[in-house]
C-alpha atoms as a PDB file:
ATOM      1  CA  MET A   1     -54.598  12.845  16.537  1.00  0.00           C
ATOM      2  CA  LYS A   2     -54.097   9.713  18.421  1.00  0.00           C
ATOM      3  CA  PHE A   3     -53.298   7.987  15.395  1.00  0.00           C
ATOM      4  CA  LEU A   4     -50.337  10.426  14.709  1.00  0.00           C
ATOM      5  CA  LYS A   5     -49.008   9.722  18.242  1.00  0.00           C
ATOM      6  CA  ILE A   6     -49.073   5.871  17.608  1.00  0.00           C
ATOM      7  CA  ILE A   7     -47.162   6.356  14.292  1.00  0.00           C
ATOM      8  CA  GLY A   8     -44.675   8.692  16.063  1.00  0.00           C
ATOM      9  CA  LEU A   9     -43.986   6.277  18.772  1.00  0.00           C
ATOM     10  CA  VAL A  10     -43.600   3.305  16.469  1.00  0.00           C
ATOM     11  CA  LEU A  11     -41.128   5.307  14.365  1.00  0.00           C
ATOM     12  CA  LEU A  12     -39.265   6.437  17.607  1.00  0.00           C
ATOM     13  CA  VAL A  13     -39.140   2.741  18.951  1.00  0.00           C
ATOM     14  CA  ALA A  14     -37.933   1.654  15.511  1.00  0.00           C
ATOM     15  CA  PHE A  15     -35.220   4.254  15.247  1.00  0.00           C
ATOM     16  CA  VAL A  16     -33.924   3.381  18.693  1.00  0.00           C
ATOM     17  CA  GLY A  17     -34.128  -0.345  17.870  1.00  0.00           C
ATOM     18  CA  ILE A  18     -31.966   0.020  14.776  1.00  0.00           C
ATOM     19  CA  GLN A  19     -28.980   1.510  16.869  1.00  0.00           C
ATOM     20  CA  PHE A  20     -28.521  -1.843  18.372  1.00  0.00           C
ATOM     21  CA  ILE A  21     -27.934  -3.601  14.889  1.00  0.00           C
ATOM     22  CA  PRO A  22     -24.014  -4.319  14.745  1.00  0.00           C
ATOM     23  CA  THR A  23     -22.265  -3.205  11.817  1.00  0.00           C
ATOM     24  CA  ASN A  24     -18.552  -3.895  10.622  1.00  0.00           C
ATOM     25  CA  ARG A  25     -15.952  -1.145  10.541  1.00  0.00           C
ATOM     26  CA  ASN A  26     -13.556  -0.637   7.821  1.00  0.00           C
ATOM     27  CA  GLN A  27     -10.474  -0.334  10.029  1.00  0.00           C
ATOM     28  CA  ALA A  28      -7.241  -2.260   9.775  1.00  0.00           C
ATOM     29  CA  ASP A  29      -4.701  -2.700  12.394  1.00  0.00           C
ATOM     30  CA  TYR A  30      -1.781  -2.310  10.139  1.00  0.00           C
ATOM     31  CA  ILE A  31      -0.745  -0.920   6.760  1.00  0.00           C
ATOM     32  CA  SER A  32      -0.367  -3.841   4.121  1.00  0.00           C
ATOM     33  CA  LYS A  33       2.821  -4.376   2.220  1.00  0.00           C
ATOM     34  CA  SER A  34       0.515  -4.054  -0.966  1.00  0.00           C
ATOM     35  CA  ASP A  35      -0.596  -0.536   0.167  1.00  0.00           C
ATOM     36  CA  PHE A  36      -0.083   2.143  -2.485  1.00  0.00           C
ATOM     37  CA  THR A  37       2.210   4.086  -0.128  1.00  0.00           C
ATOM     38  CA  GLU A  38       4.294   0.981   0.430  1.00  0.00           C
ATOM     39  CA  VAL A  39       4.619   0.020  -3.140  1.00  0.00           C
ATOM     40  CA  TYR A  40       5.539   3.407  -4.511  1.00  0.00           C
ATOM     41  CA  GLU A  41       7.602   6.290  -3.086  1.00  0.00           C
ATOM     42  CA  VAL A  42       4.956   8.828  -2.653  1.00  0.00           C
ATOM     43  CA  PRO A  43       5.902  12.401  -2.141  1.00  0.00           C
ATOM     44  CA  GLU A  44       4.583  13.870   1.256  1.00  0.00           C
ATOM     45  CA  ASN A  45       2.261  16.313  -0.498  1.00  0.00           C
ATOM     46  CA  ILE A  46       0.607  13.657  -2.639  1.00  0.00           C
ATOM     47  CA  ASN A  47       0.346  11.184   0.450  1.00  0.00           C
ATOM     48  CA  THR A  48      -1.321  14.099   2.261  1.00  0.00           C
ATOM     49  CA  ILE A  49      -4.051  14.344  -0.644  1.00  0.00           C
ATOM     50  CA  LEU A  50      -4.417  10.467  -0.617  1.00  0.00           C
ATOM     51  CA  GLN A  51      -4.972  10.407   3.072  1.00  0.00           C
ATOM     52  CA  THR A  52      -7.239  13.436   3.286  1.00  0.00           C
ATOM     53  CA  SER A  53      -9.278  12.983   0.118  1.00  0.00           C
ATOM     54  CA  CYS A  54      -9.130   9.399  -1.061  1.00  0.00           C
ATOM     55  CA  TYR A  55      -8.353   6.793   1.775  1.00  0.00           C
ATOM     56  CA  ASP A  56     -11.714   6.937   3.773  1.00  0.00           C
ATOM     57  CA  CYS A  57     -13.580   5.386   0.777  1.00  0.00           C
ATOM     58  CA  HIS A  58     -10.845   3.633  -1.119  1.00  0.00           C
ATOM     59  CA  SER A  59      -8.809   1.745   1.470  1.00  0.00           C
ATOM     60  CA  ASN A  60      -8.950  -0.795   4.447  1.00  0.00           C
ATOM     61  CA  ASN A  61      -8.836   1.935   6.922  1.00  0.00           C
ATOM     62  CA  THR A  62     -11.692   4.468   7.138  1.00  0.00           C
ATOM     63  CA  ASN A  63     -11.217   7.432   9.620  1.00  0.00           C
ATOM     64  CA  TYR A  64     -14.988   7.583  10.445  1.00  0.00           C
ATOM     65  CA  PRO A  65     -16.812  10.793  11.338  1.00  0.00           C
ATOM     66  CA  TRP A  66     -18.703  11.410  14.692  1.00  0.00           C
ATOM     67  CA  TYR A  67     -22.031  10.527  13.068  1.00  0.00           C
ATOM     68  CA  ASN A  68     -21.008   6.944  11.965  1.00  0.00           C
ATOM     69  CA  LYS A  69     -22.573   5.373  15.054  1.00  0.00           C
ATOM     70  CA  ILE A  70     -25.998   6.483  14.230  1.00  0.00           C
ATOM     71  CA  GLN A  71     -28.057   4.367  12.090  1.00  0.00           C
ATOM     72  CA  PRO A  72     -29.080   4.522   9.210  1.00  0.00           C
ATOM     73  CA  PHE A  73     -26.006   6.902   8.557  1.00  0.00           C
ATOM     74  CA  THR A  74     -23.842   3.929   9.244  1.00  0.00           C
ATOM     75  CA  TRP A  75     -25.371   1.718   6.669  1.00  0.00           C
ATOM     76  CA  TYR A  76     -25.050   4.500   4.122  1.00  0.00           C
ATOM     77  CA  LEU A  77     -21.351   4.989   5.014  1.00  0.00           C
ATOM     78  CA  ASN A  78     -20.549   1.302   4.880  1.00  0.00           C
ATOM     79  CA  ASP A  79     -22.408   0.978   1.478  1.00  0.00           C
ATOM     80  CA  HIS A  80     -20.476   3.781   0.150  1.00  0.00           C
ATOM     81  CA  ILE A  81     -17.053   2.581   1.410  1.00  0.00           C
ATOM     82  CA  GLU A  82     -17.829  -0.839  -0.187  1.00  0.00           C
ATOM     83  CA  LYS A  83     -18.529   0.481  -3.503  1.00  0.00           C
ATOM     84  CA  GLY A  84     -15.500   2.747  -3.550  1.00  0.00           C
ATOM     85  CA  LYS A  85     -13.282  -0.157  -2.404  1.00  0.00           C
ATOM     86  CA  ALA A  86     -14.617  -2.468  -5.081  1.00  0.00           C
ATOM     87  CA  ASP A  87     -13.648   0.133  -7.630  1.00  0.00           C
ATOM     88  CA  LEU A  88     -10.349   0.954  -6.230  1.00  0.00           C
ATOM     89  CA  ASN A  89      -8.657  -0.069  -2.963  1.00  0.00           C
ATOM     90  CA  PHE A  90      -5.274   1.537  -2.254  1.00  0.00           C
ATOM     91  CA  SER A  91      -4.637  -0.977   0.511  1.00  0.00           C
ATOM     92  CA  GLU A  92      -4.443  -3.669  -2.191  1.00  0.00           C
ATOM     93  CA  PHE A  93      -2.976  -1.654  -4.990  1.00  0.00           C
ATOM     94  CA  GLY A  94       0.231  -3.738  -5.046  1.00  0.00           C
ATOM     95  CA  GLU A  95      -1.764  -6.885  -5.786  1.00  0.00           C
ATOM     96  CA  TYR A  96      -3.266  -5.440  -8.981  1.00  0.00           C
ATOM     97  CA  SER A  97      -1.515  -6.391 -12.233  1.00  0.00           C
ATOM     98  CA  SER A  98       0.647  -3.788 -13.933  1.00  0.00           C
ATOM     99  CA  ARG A  99      -2.118  -3.261 -16.556  1.00  0.00           C
ATOM    100  CA  ARG A 100      -4.711  -2.674 -14.007  1.00  0.00           C
ATOM    101  CA  GLN A 101      -2.434  -0.278 -12.005  1.00  0.00           C
ATOM    102  CA  ARG A 102      -1.713   1.810 -15.067  1.00  0.00           C
ATOM    103  CA  SER A 103      -5.530   1.856 -15.817  1.00  0.00           C
ATOM    104  CA  LYS A 104      -6.395   2.906 -12.346  1.00  0.00           C
ATOM    105  CA  LEU A 105      -3.649   5.428 -12.096  1.00  0.00           C
ATOM    106  CA  ARG A 106      -5.039   7.049 -15.394  1.00  0.00           C
ATOM    107  CA  SER A 107      -8.514   6.873 -14.136  1.00  0.00           C
ATOM    108  CA  ILE A 108      -7.559   8.538 -10.812  1.00  0.00           C
ATOM    109  CA  SER A 109      -5.998  11.341 -12.581  1.00  0.00           C
ATOM    110  CA  SER A 110      -8.846  11.764 -15.087  1.00  0.00           C
ATOM    111  CA  GLN A 111     -11.537  11.797 -12.416  1.00  0.00           C
ATOM    112  CA  VAL A 112      -9.607  14.313 -10.262  1.00  0.00           C
ATOM    113  CA  LYS A 113      -8.968  16.679 -13.205  1.00  0.00           C
ATOM    114  CA  ASP A 114     -12.886  16.438 -14.303  1.00  0.00           C
ATOM    115  CA  GLY A 115     -13.803  17.185 -10.602  1.00  0.00           C
ATOM    116  CA  GLU A 116     -15.546  13.897 -10.246  1.00  0.00           C
ATOM    117  CA  MET A 117     -13.408  12.826  -7.227  1.00  0.00           C
ATOM    118  CA  PRO A 118     -13.409  13.302  -4.321  1.00  0.00           C
ATOM    119  CA  LEU A 119     -17.132  13.257  -4.448  1.00  0.00           C
ATOM    120  CA  GLN A 120     -18.940  16.472  -3.685  1.00  0.00           C
ATOM    121  CA  SER A 121     -21.110  14.733  -1.140  1.00  0.00           C
ATOM    122  CA  TYR A 122     -17.828  13.775   0.591  1.00  0.00           C
ATOM    123  CA  THR A 123     -16.264  17.303   0.383  1.00  0.00           C
ATOM    124  CA  LEU A 124     -19.416  18.887   1.856  1.00  0.00           C
ATOM    125  CA  VAL A 125     -18.875  17.155   5.286  1.00  0.00           C
ATOM    126  CA  HIS A 126     -14.936  16.848   4.937  1.00  0.00           C
ATOM    127  CA  TRP A 127     -13.905  20.320   3.871  1.00  0.00           C
ATOM    128  CA  ASP A 128     -10.263  19.425   4.082  1.00  0.00           C
ATOM    129  CA  ALA A 129     -10.798  16.909   1.358  1.00  0.00           C
ATOM    130  CA  LYS A 130     -11.707  19.476  -1.138  1.00  0.00           C
ATOM    131  CA  LEU A 131      -8.735  19.996  -3.602  1.00  0.00           C
ATOM    132  CA  SER A 132      -7.596  23.331  -4.837  1.00  0.00           C
ATOM    133  CA  ASP A 133      -6.823  23.644  -8.538  1.00  0.00           C
ATOM    134  CA  LYS A 134      -3.014  23.814  -7.638  1.00  0.00           C
ATOM    135  CA  GLU A 135      -3.423  20.462  -5.690  1.00  0.00           C
ATOM    136  CA  LYS A 136      -5.388  18.856  -8.297  1.00  0.00           C
ATOM    137  CA  GLU A 137      -2.752  19.891 -10.912  1.00  0.00           C
ATOM    138  CA  LYS A 138       0.288  18.448  -8.740  1.00  0.00           C
ATOM    139  CA  PHE A 139      -1.628  15.394  -8.001  1.00  0.00           C
ATOM    140  CA  THR A 140      -2.720  14.538 -11.524  1.00  0.00           C
ATOM    141  CA  VAL A 141       0.830  15.334 -12.969  1.00  0.00           C
ATOM    142  CA  TRP A 142       2.272  12.873 -10.289  1.00  0.00           C
ATOM    143  CA  MET A 143      -0.381  10.227 -11.191  1.00  0.00           C
ATOM    144  CA  ASP A 144       0.137  10.501 -14.861  1.00  0.00           C
ATOM    145  CA  SER A 145       3.930  10.257 -14.507  1.00  0.00           C
ATOM    146  CA  LEU A 146       3.676   7.252 -12.275  1.00  0.00           C
ATOM    147  CA  ALA A 147       1.205   5.552 -14.867  1.00  0.00           C
ATOM    148  CA  MET A 148       3.853   5.954 -17.572  1.00  0.00           C
ATOM    149  CA  GLU A 149       6.581   4.408 -15.213  1.00  0.00           C
ATOM    150  CA  VAL A 150       4.451   1.316 -14.326  1.00  0.00           C
ATOM    151  CA  ARG A 151       5.644  -1.797 -16.351  1.00  0.00           C
END
Protein backbone atom coordinates (compact mmCIF):
# COMPACT_ATOMS: atom_id res chain seq x y z
CA MET A 1 0.00 0.00 0.00
CA LYS A 2 2.86 2.36 0.82
CA PHE A 3 4.35 1.63 -2.61
CA LEU A 4 1.10 2.75 -4.33
CA LYS A 5 1.08 6.00 -2.34
CA ILE A 6 4.65 6.73 -3.43
CA ILE A 7 3.79 6.01 -7.07
CA GLY A 8 0.70 8.24 -6.81
CA LEU A 9 2.73 11.06 -5.26
CA VAL A 10 5.41 10.82 -7.96
CA LEU A 11 2.74 10.92 -10.69
CA LEU A 12 1.04 13.91 -9.05
CA VAL A 13 4.35 15.81 -8.78
CA ALA A 14 5.15 14.97 -12.43
CA PHE A 15 1.69 16.14 -13.57
CA VAL A 16 2.03 19.42 -11.68
CA GLY A 17 5.61 19.83 -12.90
CA ILE A 18 4.76 19.51 -16.60
CA GLN A 19 2.26 22.35 -16.25
CA PHE A 20 5.22 24.77 -16.05
CA ILE A 21 6.78 23.71 -19.36
CA PRO A 22 6.18 26.62 -21.77
CA THR A 23 4.58 26.03 -25.17
CA ASN A 24 4.19 28.16 -28.27
CA ARG A 25 0.73 29.29 -29.23
CA ASN A 26 -0.50 29.36 -32.80
CA GLN A 27 -1.97 32.85 -32.75
CA ALA A 28 -1.07 35.60 -35.19
CA ASP A 29 -1.78 39.26 -34.48
CA TYR A 30 -2.96 39.92 -38.02
CA ILE A 31 -4.43 38.35 -41.15
CA SER A 32 -1.70 38.02 -43.77
CA LYS A 33 -2.17 39.19 -47.35
CA SER A 34 -1.67 35.59 -48.47
CA ASP A 35 -4.59 34.36 -46.35
CA PHE A 36 -7.20 32.43 -48.32
CA THR A 37 -9.90 34.96 -47.46
CA GLU A 38 -7.69 37.83 -48.64
CA VAL A 39 -6.69 36.16 -51.90
CA TYR A 40 -10.19 35.03 -52.88
CA GLU A 41 -13.57 36.65 -52.53
CA VAL A 42 -15.15 34.15 -50.17
CA PRO A 43 -18.92 34.22 -49.65
CA GLU A 44 -20.00 34.76 -46.05
CA ASN A 45 -21.48 31.27 -45.64
CA ILE A 46 -18.26 29.63 -46.91
CA ASN A 47 -16.14 31.92 -44.73
CA THR A 48 -18.18 30.90 -41.68
CA ILE A 49 -17.53 27.22 -42.44
CA LEU A 50 -13.82 27.90 -42.93
CA GLN A 51 -13.53 29.82 -39.66
CA THR A 52 -15.59 27.31 -37.67
CA SER A 53 -14.46 24.01 -39.14
CA CYS A 54 -11.03 24.54 -40.72
CA TYR A 55 -8.98 27.47 -39.44
CA ASP A 56 -8.19 26.17 -35.94
CA CYS A 57 -5.96 23.44 -37.39
CA HIS A 58 -5.17 24.86 -40.83
CA SER A 59 -4.17 28.49 -40.23
CA ASN A 60 -1.79 30.64 -38.22
CA ASN A 61 -4.52 31.62 -35.79
CA THR A 62 -6.07 28.96 -33.57
CA ASN A 63 -9.02 29.69 -31.33
CA TYR A 64 -7.94 27.52 -28.41
CA PRO A 65 -10.41 25.64 -26.20
CA TRP A 66 -10.43 26.04 -22.42
CA TYR A 67 -8.37 22.89 -21.83
CA ASN A 68 -5.42 24.08 -23.94
CA LYS A 69 -3.53 25.24 -20.85
CA ILE A 70 -3.48 21.75 -19.31
CA GLN A 71 -0.54 19.51 -20.18
CA PRO A 72 -0.41 17.03 -21.87
CA PHE A 73 -3.46 18.28 -23.83
CA THR A 74 -1.46 21.30 -25.03
CA TRP A 75 1.20 19.05 -26.53
CA TYR A 76 -1.44 17.00 -28.31
CA LEU A 77 -3.18 20.11 -29.68
CA ASN A 78 0.07 21.71 -30.84
CA ASP A 79 1.18 18.50 -32.56
CA HIS A 80 -2.20 18.22 -34.26
CA ILE A 81 -2.07 21.87 -35.41
CA GLU A 82 1.50 21.53 -36.73
CA LYS A 83 0.51 18.48 -38.79
CA GLY A 84 -2.61 20.24 -40.07
CA LYS A 85 -0.68 23.33 -41.11
CA ALA A 86 2.03 21.24 -42.77
CA ASP A 87 -0.64 19.71 -45.00
CA LEU A 88 -2.65 22.89 -45.62
CA ASN A 89 -2.24 26.40 -44.25
CA PHE A 90 -5.02 28.81 -45.21
CA SER A 91 -2.94 31.71 -43.83
CA GLU A 92 -0.30 31.04 -46.49
CA PHE A 93 -2.57 29.82 -49.29
CA GLY A 94 -1.76 32.77 -51.56
CA GLU A 95 1.92 31.79 -51.50
CA TYR A 96 1.18 28.37 -53.01
CA SER A 97 1.71 27.94 -56.74
CA SER A 98 -1.45 27.91 -58.90
CA ARG A 99 -1.00 24.19 -59.44
CA ARG A 100 -0.75 23.52 -55.71
CA GLN A 101 -3.76 25.75 -55.00
CA ARG A 102 -5.88 23.80 -57.50
CA SER A 103 -4.70 20.53 -56.01
CA LYS A 104 -5.47 21.69 -52.45
CA LEU A 105 -8.91 22.99 -53.43
CA ARG A 106 -9.79 19.65 -55.02
CA SER A 107 -8.43 17.80 -52.01
CA ILE A 108 -10.41 19.99 -49.59
CA SER A 109 -13.59 19.33 -51.56
CA SER A 110 -12.95 15.60 -51.76
CA GLN A 111 -12.18 15.23 -48.07
CA VAL A 112 -15.25 17.19 -47.01
CA LYS A 113 -17.46 15.16 -49.41
CA ASP A 114 -16.06 11.91 -48.01
CA GLY A 115 -16.55 13.06 -44.40
CA GLU A 116 -12.81 12.97 -43.68
CA MET A 117 -12.78 16.64 -42.74
CA PRO A 118 -13.36 18.12 -40.30
CA LEU A 119 -11.97 15.29 -38.23
CA GLN A 120 -14.44 13.42 -36.07
CA SER A 121 -12.15 13.89 -33.05
CA TYR A 122 -12.43 17.66 -33.62
CA THR A 123 -16.20 17.73 -34.05
CA LEU A 124 -16.70 15.71 -30.86
CA VAL A 125 -15.45 18.68 -28.88
CA HIS A 126 -16.41 21.47 -31.32
CA TRP A 127 -20.02 20.65 -32.14
CA ASP A 128 -20.46 23.79 -34.21
CA ALA A 129 -17.73 22.56 -36.60
CA LYS A 130 -19.80 19.58 -37.74
CA LEU A 131 -21.20 20.19 -41.22
CA SER A 132 -24.69 19.30 -42.33
CA ASP A 133 -25.16 17.62 -45.70
CA LYS A 134 -26.45 20.91 -47.10
CA GLU A 135 -23.39 22.81 -45.80
CA LYS A 136 -21.08 20.15 -47.22
CA GLU A 137 -22.72 20.41 -50.62
CA LYS A 138 -22.55 24.23 -50.75
CA PHE A 139 -18.95 24.19 -49.52
CA THR A 140 -17.73 21.53 -51.95
CA VAL A 141 -19.54 23.03 -54.94
CA TRP A 142 -17.90 26.38 -54.20
CA MET A 143 -14.45 24.82 -53.72
CA ASP A 144 -14.79 22.81 -56.95
CA SER A 145 -15.81 25.91 -58.91
CA LEU A 146 -12.93 27.89 -57.43
CA ALA A 147 -10.49 25.10 -58.37
CA MET A 148 -11.65 25.37 -61.98
CA GLU A 149 -11.06 29.15 -61.96
CA VAL A 150 -7.50 29.06 -60.56
CA ARG A 151 -4.96 29.52 -63.34
